[in-house]
Amino acid sequence: MNQKSKNIQDIEEIAQNASCGEDVSEHFTGQFQAKQQVNIALPLELLRNIDAECQRQNINRQDWIKIACAEKVNESQKQETPNNSTTR
């Protein structure tokens, strides 16, 4: 049995144990992040600008896009959070 099919069998055993009510938490590290692949069409000029920035920062396009999206979401969330200072 190759390593991949052994991993699948182990996953199936863990799922079976979980469905029987057993504690399977030891198998989860919390380091896994669920991901979903998306396809997006961007204007060519924007891609050229992104690629130039990637080259400048020495990172790949996918990483740059993930960082840019995360920064934009964080910025937006900060704007929605009420200021914690008290008013007089």
PDB file of N, CA and C in Angstrom:
ATOM      1  N   MET A   1       0.853  -1.187   0.000  1.00  0.00           N
ATOM      2  CA  MET A   1       0.000   0.000   0.000  1.00  0.00           C
ATOM      3  C   MET A   1       0.894   1.244   0.000  1.00  0.00           C
ATOM      4  N   ASN A   2       0.648   2.171  -0.924  1.00  0.00           N
ATOM      5  CA  ASN A   2       1.483   3.367  -0.959  1.00  0.00           C
ATOM      6  C   ASN A   2       1.058   4.351   0.133  1.00  0.00           C
ATOM      7  N   GLN A   3       1.905   5.369   0.343  1.00  0.00           N
ATOM      8  CA  GLN A   3       1.675   6.319   1.434  1.00  0.00           C
ATOM      9  C   GLN A   3       0.361   7.073   1.255  1.00  0.00           C
ATOM     10  N   LYS A   4       0.028   7.449   0.015  1.00  0.00           N
ATOM     11  CA  LYS A   4      -1.202   8.210  -0.217  1.00  0.00           C
ATOM     12  C   LYS A   4      -2.432   7.402   0.173  1.00  0.00           C
ATOM     13  N   SER A   5      -2.497   6.144  -0.234  1.00  0.00           N
ATOM     14  CA  SER A   5      -3.679   5.356   0.109  1.00  0.00           C
ATOM     15  C   SER A   5      -3.718   5.064   1.603  1.00  0.00           C
ATOM     16  N   LYS A   6      -2.548   4.963   2.270  1.00  0.00           N
ATOM     17  CA  LYS A   6      -2.526   4.786   3.726  1.00  0.00           C
ATOM     18  C   LYS A   6      -3.100   6.020   4.408  1.00  0.00           C
ATOM     19  N   ASN A   7      -2.737   7.217   3.921  1.00  0.00           N
ATOM     20  CA  ASN A   7      -3.285   8.453   4.490  1.00  0.00           C
ATOM     21  C   ASN A   7      -4.794   8.500   4.323  1.00  0.00           C
ATOM     22  N   ILE A   8      -5.285   8.117   3.160  1.00  0.00           N
ATOM     23  CA  ILE A   8      -6.730   8.111   2.934  1.00  0.00           C
ATOM     24  C   ILE A   8      -7.405   7.138   3.888  1.00  0.00           C
ATOM     25  N   GLN A   9      -6.819   5.969   4.064  1.00  0.00           N
ATOM     26  CA  GLN A   9      -7.384   5.000   4.988  1.00  0.00           C
ATOM     27  C   GLN A   9      -7.394   5.573   6.403  1.00  0.00           C
ATOM     28  N   ASP A  10      -6.305   6.229   6.814  1.00  0.00           N
ATOM     29  CA  ASP A  10      -6.254   6.817   8.145  1.00  0.00           C
ATOM     30  C   ASP A  10      -7.330   7.889   8.307  1.00  0.00           C
ATOM     31  N   ILE A  11      -7.526   8.705   7.293  1.00  0.00           N
ATOM     32  CA  ILE A  11      -8.554   9.738   7.346  1.00  0.00           C
ATOM     33  C   ILE A  11      -9.929   9.096   7.482  1.00  0.00           C
ATOM     34  N   GLU A  12     -10.150   8.043   6.735  1.00  0.00           N
ATOM     35  CA  GLU A  12     -11.435   7.350   6.816  1.00  0.00           C
ATOM     36  C   GLU A  12     -11.633   6.724   8.189  1.00  0.00           C
ATOM     37  N   GLU A  13     -10.566   6.189   8.774  1.00  0.00           N
ATOM     38  CA  GLU A  13     -10.662   5.632  10.124  1.00  0.00           C
ATOM     39  C   GLU A  13     -10.974   6.716  11.141  1.00  0.00           C
ATOM     40  N   ILE A  14     -10.338   7.876  10.992  1.00  0.00           N
ATOM     41  CA  ILE A  14     -10.602   8.996  11.903  1.00  0.00           C
ATOM     42  C   ILE A  14     -12.056   9.426  11.783  1.00  0.00           C
ATOM     43  N   ALA A  15     -12.554   9.532  10.556  1.00  0.00           N
ATOM     44  CA  ALA A  15     -13.953   9.917  10.341  1.00  0.00           C
ATOM     45  C   ALA A  15     -14.896   8.890  10.956  1.00  0.00           C
ATOM     46  N   GLN A  16     -14.579   7.615  10.787  1.00  0.00           N
ATOM     47  CA  GLN A  16     -15.396   6.548  11.363  1.00  0.00           C
ATOM     48  C   GLN A  16     -15.410   6.659  12.885  1.00  0.00           C
ATOM     49  N   ASN A  17     -14.225   6.881  13.467  1.00  0.00           N
ATOM     50  CA  ASN A  17     -14.134   7.023  14.930  1.00  0.00           C
ATOM     51  C   ASN A  17     -14.935   8.229  15.404  1.00  0.00           C
ATOM     52  N   ALA A  18     -14.848   9.336  14.661  1.00  0.00           N
ATOM     53  CA  ALA A  18     -15.591  10.542  15.040  1.00  0.00           C
ATOM     54  C   ALA A  18     -17.089  10.299  14.978  1.00  0.00           C
ATOM     55  N   SER A  19     -17.539   9.577  13.944  1.00  0.00           N
ATOM     56  CA  SER A  19     -18.974   9.318  13.825  1.00  0.00           C
ATOM     57  C   SER A  19     -19.478   8.376  14.912  1.00  0.00           C
ATOM     58  N   CYS A  20     -18.551   7.628  15.528  1.00  0.00           N
ATOM     59  CA  CYS A  20     -18.922   6.761  16.647  1.00  0.00           C
ATOM     60  C   CYS A  20     -18.841   7.499  17.982  1.00  0.00           C
ATOM     61  N   GLY A  21     -18.512   8.795  17.920  1.00  0.00           N
ATOM     62  CA  GLY A  21     -18.492   9.604  19.130  1.00  0.00           C
ATOM     63  C   GLY A  21     -17.150   9.633  19.836  1.00  0.00           C
ATOM     64  N   GLU A  22     -16.116   9.066  19.240  1.00  0.00           N
ATOM     65  CA  GLU A  22     -14.799   9.076  19.870  1.00  0.00           C
ATOM     66  C   GLU A  22     -14.149  10.448  19.736  1.00  0.00           C
ATOM     67  N   ASP A  23     -13.276  10.781  20.691  1.00  0.00           N
ATOM     68  CA  ASP A  23     -12.527  12.027  20.639  1.00  0.00           C
ATOM     69  C   ASP A  23     -11.393  11.864  19.632  1.00  0.00           C
ATOM     70  N   VAL A  24     -11.434  12.622  18.553  1.00  0.00           N
ATOM     71  CA  VAL A  24     -10.396  12.546  17.514  1.00  0.00           C
ATOM     72  C   VAL A  24      -9.593  13.847  17.447  1.00  0.00           C
ATOM     73  N   SER A  25      -9.702  14.681  18.467  1.00  0.00           N
ATOM     74  CA  SER A  25      -9.058  15.996  18.449  1.00  0.00           C
ATOM     75  C   SER A  25      -7.539  15.909  18.351  1.00  0.00           C
ATOM     76  N   GLU A  26      -6.942  14.820  18.773  1.00  0.00           N
ATOM     77  CA  GLU A  26      -5.480  14.685  18.705  1.00  0.00           C
ATOM     78  C   GLU A  26      -4.976  14.671  17.264  1.00  0.00           C
ATOM     79  N   HIS A  27      -5.858  14.400  16.326  1.00  0.00           N
ATOM     80  CA  HIS A  27      -5.463  14.339  14.920  1.00  0.00           C
ATOM     81  C   HIS A  27      -5.477  15.707  14.243  1.00  0.00           C
ATOM     82  N   PHE A  28      -5.922  16.745  14.953  1.00  0.00           N
ATOM     83  CA  PHE A  28      -6.033  18.064  14.363  1.00  0.00           C
ATOM     84  C   PHE A  28      -5.111  19.036  15.069  1.00  0.00           C
ATOM     85  N   THR A  29      -4.264  19.711  14.298  1.00  0.00           N
ATOM     86  CA  THR A  29      -3.263  20.619  14.862  1.00  0.00           C
ATOM     87  C   THR A  29      -3.742  22.058  14.910  1.00  0.00           C
ATOM     88  N   GLY A  30      -4.776  22.387  14.175  1.00  0.00           N
ATOM     89  CA  GLY A  30      -5.225  23.772  14.093  1.00  0.00           C
ATOM     90  C   GLY A  30      -4.398  24.592  13.110  1.00  0.00           C
ATOM     91  N   GLN A  31      -3.437  23.975  12.433  1.00  0.00           N
ATOM     92  CA  GLN A  31      -2.579  24.686  11.496  1.00  0.00           C
ATOM     93  C   GLN A  31      -3.121  24.645  10.075  1.00  0.00           C
ATOM     94  N   PHE A  32      -4.119  23.831   9.829  1.00  0.00           N
ATOM     95  CA  PHE A  32      -4.691  23.720   8.495  1.00  0.00           C
ATOM     96  C   PHE A  32      -5.672  24.855   8.260  1.00  0.00           C
ATOM     97  N   GLN A  33      -5.571  25.476   7.113  1.00  0.00           N
ATOM     98  CA  GLN A  33      -6.530  26.505   6.741  1.00  0.00           C
ATOM     99  C   GLN A  33      -7.284  26.014   5.519  1.00  0.00           C
ATOM    100  N   ALA A  34      -8.574  26.026   5.612  1.00  0.00           N
ATOM    101  CA  ALA A  34      -9.386  25.626   4.458  1.00  0.00           C
ATOM    102  C   ALA A  34      -9.167  26.631   3.335  1.00  0.00           C
ATOM    103  N   LYS A  35      -9.110  26.130   2.135  1.00  0.00           N
ATOM    104  CA  LYS A  35      -8.865  26.989   0.981  1.00  0.00           C
ATOM    105  C   LYS A  35      -9.856  26.651  -0.110  1.00  0.00           C
ATOM    106  N   GLN A  36     -10.142  27.630  -0.918  1.00  0.00           N
ATOM    107  CA  GLN A  36     -10.982  27.416  -2.073  1.00  0.00           C
ATOM    108  C   GLN A  36     -10.337  28.151  -3.237  1.00  0.00           C
ATOM    109  N   GLN A  37     -10.193  27.463  -4.324  1.00  0.00           N
ATOM    110  CA  GLN A  37      -9.605  28.071  -5.507  1.00  0.00           C
ATOM    111  C   GLN A  37     -10.660  28.883  -6.237  1.00  0.00           C
ATOM    112  N   VAL A  38     -10.269  30.069  -6.687  1.00  0.00           N
ATOM    113  CA  VAL A  38     -11.170  30.914  -7.453  1.00  0.00           C
ATOM    114  C   VAL A  38     -10.479  31.327  -8.748  1.00  0.00           C
ATOM    115  N   ASN A  39     -11.268  31.546  -9.757  1.00  0.00           N
ATOM    116  CA  ASN A  39     -10.762  32.071 -11.021  1.00  0.00           C
ATOM    117  C   ASN A  39     -11.274  33.486 -11.166  1.00  0.00           C
ATOM    118  N   ILE A  40     -10.397  34.374 -11.565  1.00  0.00           N
ATOM    119  CA  ILE A  40     -10.786  35.768 -11.709  1.00  0.00           C
ATOM    120  C   ILE A  40     -10.129  36.334 -12.970  1.00  0.00           C
ATOM    121  N   ALA A  41     -10.880  37.077 -13.723  1.00  0.00           N
ATOM    122  CA  ALA A  41     -10.351  37.731 -14.914  1.00  0.00           C
ATOM    123  C   ALA A  41      -9.994  39.168 -14.545  1.00  0.00           C
ATOM    124  N   LEU A  42      -8.744  39.535 -14.779  1.00  0.00           N
ATOM    125  CA  LEU A  42      -8.269  40.883 -14.481  1.00  0.00           C
ATOM    126  C   LEU A  42      -7.785  41.533 -15.765  1.00  0.00           C
ATOM    127  N   PRO A  43      -7.917  42.840 -15.853  1.00  0.00           N
ATOM    128  CA  PRO A  43      -7.400  43.526 -17.027  1.00  0.00           C
ATOM    129  C   PRO A  43      -5.889  43.299 -17.164  1.00  0.00           C
ATOM    130  N   LEU A  44      -5.429  43.171 -18.397  1.00  0.00           N
ATOM    131  CA  LEU A  44      -4.030  42.880 -18.651  1.00  0.00           C
ATOM    132  C   LEU A  44      -3.102  43.933 -18.053  1.00  0.00           C
ATOM    133  N   GLU A  45      -3.491  45.190 -18.151  1.00  0.00           N
ATOM    134  CA  GLU A  45      -2.651  46.257 -17.594  1.00  0.00           C
ATOM    135  C   GLU A  45      -2.508  46.108 -16.072  1.00  0.00           C
ATOM    136  N   LEU A  46      -3.589  45.724 -15.391  1.00  0.00           N
ATOM    137  CA  LEU A  46      -3.507  45.486 -13.948  1.00  0.00           C
ATOM    138  C   LEU A  46      -2.569  44.329 -13.648  1.00  0.00           C
ATOM    139  N   LEU A  47      -2.667  43.262 -14.430  1.00  0.00           N
ATOM    140  CA  LEU A  47      -1.760  42.124 -14.223  1.00  0.00           C
ATOM    141  C   LEU A  47      -0.314  42.516 -14.436  1.00  0.00           C
ATOM    142  N   ARG A  48      -0.060  43.338 -15.430  1.00  0.00           N
ATOM    143  CA  ARG A  48       1.317  43.815 -15.657  1.00  0.00           C
ATOM    144  C   ARG A  48       1.819  44.602 -14.460  1.00  0.00           C
ATOM    145  N   ASN A  49       0.956  45.455 -13.914  1.00  0.00           N
ATOM    146  CA  ASN A  49       1.347  46.235 -12.730  1.00  0.00           C
ATOM    147  C   ASN A  49       1.572  45.329 -11.523  1.00  0.00           C
ATOM    148  N   ILE A  50       0.717  44.348 -11.344  1.00  0.00           N
ATOM    149  CA  ILE A  50       0.882  43.388 -10.246  1.00  0.00           C
ATOM    150  C   ILE A  50       2.187  42.630 -10.415  1.00  0.00           C
ATOM    151  N   ASP A  51       2.458  42.151 -11.633  1.00  0.00           N
ATOM    152  CA  ASP A  51       3.690  41.400 -11.878  1.00  0.00           C
ATOM    153  C   ASP A  51       4.930  42.254 -11.635  1.00  0.00           C
ATOM    154  N   ALA A  52       4.881  43.522 -11.997  1.00  0.00           N
ATOM    155  CA  ALA A  52       6.009  44.416 -11.736  1.00  0.00           C
ATOM    156  C   ALA A  52       6.232  44.569 -10.231  1.00  0.00           C
ATOM    157  N   GLU A  53       5.141  44.695  -9.494  1.00  0.00           N
ATOM    158  CA  GLU A  53       5.246  44.817  -8.026  1.00  0.00           C
ATOM    159  C   GLU A  53       5.766  43.519  -7.418  1.00  0.00           C
ATOM    160  N   CYS A  54       5.313  42.393  -7.956  1.00  0.00           N
ATOM    161  CA  CYS A  54       5.795  41.089  -7.473  1.00  0.00           C
ATOM    162  C   CYS A  54       7.293  40.956  -7.691  1.00  0.00           C
ATOM    163  N   GLN A  55       7.740  41.382  -8.844  1.00  0.00           N
ATOM    164  CA  GLN A  55       9.170  41.306  -9.148  1.00  0.00           C
ATOM    165  C   GLN A  55       9.948  42.215  -8.201  1.00  0.00           C
ATOM    166  N   ARG A  56       9.422  43.399  -7.952  1.00  0.00           N
ATOM    167  CA  ARG A  56      10.081  44.334  -7.041  1.00  0.00           C
ATOM    168  C   ARG A  56      10.193  43.765  -5.629  1.00  0.00           C
ATOM    169  N   GLN A  57       9.126  43.084  -5.182  1.00  0.00           N
ATOM    170  CA  GLN A  57       9.100  42.521  -3.831  1.00  0.00           C
ATOM    171  C   GLN A  57       9.654  41.100  -3.769  1.00  0.00           C
ATOM    172  N   ASN A  58       9.959  40.530  -4.929  1.00  0.00           N
ATOM    173  CA  ASN A  58      10.480  39.169  -5.022  1.00  0.00           C
ATOM    174  C   ASN A  58       9.515  38.143  -4.421  1.00  0.00           C
ATOM    175  N   ILE A  59       8.239  38.250  -4.799  1.00  0.00           N
ATOM    176  CA  ILE A  59       7.232  37.272  -4.396  1.00  0.00           C
ATOM    177  C   ILE A  59       6.423  36.885  -5.630  1.00  0.00           C
ATOM    178  N   ASN A  60       5.714  35.775  -5.550  1.00  0.00           N
ATOM    179  CA  ASN A  60       4.922  35.360  -6.707  1.00  0.00           C
ATOM    180  C   ASN A  60       3.567  36.072  -6.715  1.00  0.00           C
ATOM    181  N   ARG A  61       2.935  36.013  -7.871  1.00  0.00           N
ATOM    182  CA  ARG A  61       1.673  36.720  -8.078  1.00  0.00           C
ATOM    183  C   ARG A  61       0.592  36.271  -7.104  1.00  0.00           C
ATOM    184  N   GLN A  62       0.451  34.963  -6.885  1.00  0.00           N
ATOM    185  CA  GLN A  62      -0.591  34.454  -5.999  1.00  0.00           C
ATOM    186  C   GLN A  62      -0.405  34.981  -4.582  1.00  0.00           C
ATOM    187  N   ASP A  63       0.829  34.951  -4.083  1.00  0.00           N
ATOM    188  CA  ASP A  63       1.086  35.452  -2.735  1.00  0.00           C
ATOM    189  C   ASP A  63       0.785  36.947  -2.643  1.00  0.00           C
ATOM    190  N   TRP A  64       1.189  37.696  -3.681  1.00  0.00           N
ATOM    191  CA  TRP A  64       0.936  39.129  -3.662  1.00  0.00           C
ATOM    192  C   TRP A  64      -0.558  39.417  -3.622  1.00  0.00           C
ATOM    193  N   ILE A  65      -1.321  38.709  -4.429  1.00  0.00           N
ATOM    194  CA  ILE A  65      -2.773  38.922  -4.469  1.00  0.00           C
ATOM    195  C   ILE A  65      -3.400  38.577  -3.113  1.00  0.00           C
ATOM    196  N   LYS A  66      -2.947  37.477  -2.488  1.00  0.00           N
ATOM    197  CA  LYS A  66      -3.487  37.116  -1.169  1.00  0.00           C
ATOM    198  C   LYS A  66      -3.161  38.193  -0.139  1.00  0.00           C
ATOM    199  N   ILE A  67      -1.934  38.704  -0.171  1.00  0.00           N
ATOM    200  CA  ILE A  67      -1.529  39.756   0.771  1.00  0.00           C
ATOM    201  C   ILE A  67      -2.347  41.022   0.531  1.00  0.00           C
ATOM    202  N   ALA A  68      -2.501  41.412  -0.738  1.00  0.00           N
ATOM    203  CA  ALA A  68      -3.250  42.621  -1.065  1.00  0.00           C
ATOM    204  C   ALA A  68      -4.713  42.502  -0.627  1.00  0.00           C
ATOM    205  N   CYS A  69      -5.301  41.347  -0.845  1.00  0.00           N
ATOM    206  CA  CYS A  69      -6.694  41.134  -0.423  1.00  0.00           C
ATOM    207  C   CYS A  69      -6.818  41.190   1.095  1.00  0.00           C
ATOM    208  N   ALA A  70      -5.903  40.539   1.796  1.00  0.00           N
ATOM    209  CA  ALA A  70      -5.939  40.541   3.265  1.00  0.00           C
ATOM    210  C   ALA A  70      -5.772  41.959   3.808  1.00  0.00           C
ATOM    211  N   GLU A  71      -4.861  42.729   3.218  1.00  0.00           N
ATOM    212  CA  GLU A  71      -4.670  44.112   3.665  1.00  0.00           C
ATOM    213  C   GLU A  71      -5.936  44.939   3.452  1.00  0.00           C
ATOM    214  N   LYS A  72      -6.582  44.758   2.314  1.00  0.00           N
ATOM    215  CA  LYS A  72      -7.806  45.517   2.013  1.00  0.00           C
ATOM    216  C   LYS A  72      -8.937  45.153   2.971  1.00  0.00           C
ATOM    217  N   VAL A  73      -9.078  43.856   3.264  1.00  0.00           N
ATOM    218  CA  VAL A  73     -10.118  43.414   4.199  1.00  0.00           C
ATOM    219  C   VAL A  73      -9.830  43.968   5.593  1.00  0.00           C
ATOM    220  N   ASN A  74      -8.577  43.885   6.045  1.00  0.00           N
ATOM    221  CA  ASN A  74      -8.220  44.417   7.367  1.00  0.00           C
ATOM    222  C   ASN A  74      -8.480  45.914   7.447  1.00  0.00           C
ATOM    223  N   GLU A  75      -8.123  46.634   6.394  1.00  0.00           N
ATOM    224  CA  GLU A  75      -8.365  48.071   6.341  1.00  0.00           C
ATOM    225  C   GLU A  75      -9.856  48.380   6.430  1.00  0.00           C
ATOM    226  N   SER A  76     -10.649  47.631   5.712  1.00  0.00           N
ATOM    227  CA  SER A  76     -12.097  47.827   5.708  1.00  0.00           C
ATOM    228  C   SER A  76     -12.689  47.524   7.085  1.00  0.00           C
ATOM    229  N   GLN A  77     -12.209  46.459   7.721  1.00  0.00           N
ATOM    230  CA  GLN A  77     -12.716  46.089   9.045  1.00  0.00           C
ATOM    231  C   GLN A  77     -12.355  47.135  10.082  1.00  0.00           C
ATOM    232  N   LYS A  78     -11.179  47.720   9.973  1.00  0.00           N
ATOM    233  CA  LYS A  78     -10.777  48.766  10.924  1.00  0.00           C
ATOM    234  C   LYS A  78     -11.670  49.993  10.790  1.00  0.00           C
ATOM    235  N   GLN A  79     -12.078  50.311   9.570  1.00  0.00           N
ATOM    236  CA  GLN A  79     -12.947  51.465   9.340  1.00  0.00           C
ATOM    237  C   GLN A  79     -14.337  51.232   9.903  1.00  0.00           C
ATOM    238  N   GLU A  80     -14.779  49.979   9.951  1.00  0.00           N
ATOM    239  CA  GLU A  80     -16.106  49.650  10.465  1.00  0.00           C
ATOM    240  C   GLU A  80     -16.136  49.586  11.985  1.00  0.00           C
ATOM    241  N   THR A  81     -14.979  49.358  12.623  1.00  0.00           N
ATOM    242  CA  THR A  81     -14.910  49.242  14.076  1.00  0.00           C
ATOM    243  C   THR A  81     -15.015  50.627  14.689  1.00  0.00           C
ATOM    244  N   PRO A  82     -15.947  50.801  15.640  1.00  0.00           N
ATOM    245  CA  PRO A  82     -16.081  52.101  16.279  1.00  0.00           C
ATOM    246  C   PRO A  82     -14.812  52.458  17.044  1.00  0.00           C
ATOM    247  N   ASN A  83     -14.517  53.728  17.093  1.00  0.00           N
ATOM    248  CA  ASN A  83     -13.347  54.213  17.817  1.00  0.00           C
ATOM    249  C   ASN A  83     -13.527  53.941  19.309  1.00  0.00           C
ATOM    250  N   ASN A  84     -12.483  53.415  19.935  1.00  0.00           N
ATOM    251  CA  ASN A  84     -12.566  53.058  21.350  1.00  0.00           C
ATOM    252  C   ASN A  84     -12.376  54.232  22.282  1.00  0.00           C
ATOM    253  N   SER A  85     -12.130  55.425  21.749  1.00  0.00           N
ATOM    254  CA  SER A  85     -11.959  56.595  22.628  1.00  0.00           C
ATOM    255  C   SER A  85     -13.319  57.038  23.128  1.00  0.00           C
ATOM    256  N   THR A  86     -13.326  57.588  24.334  1.00  0.00           N
ATOM    257  CA  THR A  86     -14.585  58.059  24.920  1.00  0.00           C
ATOM    258  C   THR A  86     -14.836  59.497  24.517  1.00  0.00           C
ATOM    259  N   THR A  87     -16.080  59.847  24.329  1.00  0.00           N
ATOM    260  CA  THR A  87     -16.439  61.220  23.992  1.00  0.00           C
ATOM    261  C   THR A  87     -16.919  61.927  25.240  1.00  0.00           C
ATOM    262  N   ARG A  88     -16.662  63.195  25.313  1.00  0.00           N
ATOM    263  CA  ARG A  88     -17.075  63.973  26.482  1.00  0.00           C
ATOM    264  C   ARG A  88     -18.122  64.968  26.128  1.00  0.00           C
TER     265      ARG A  88
END
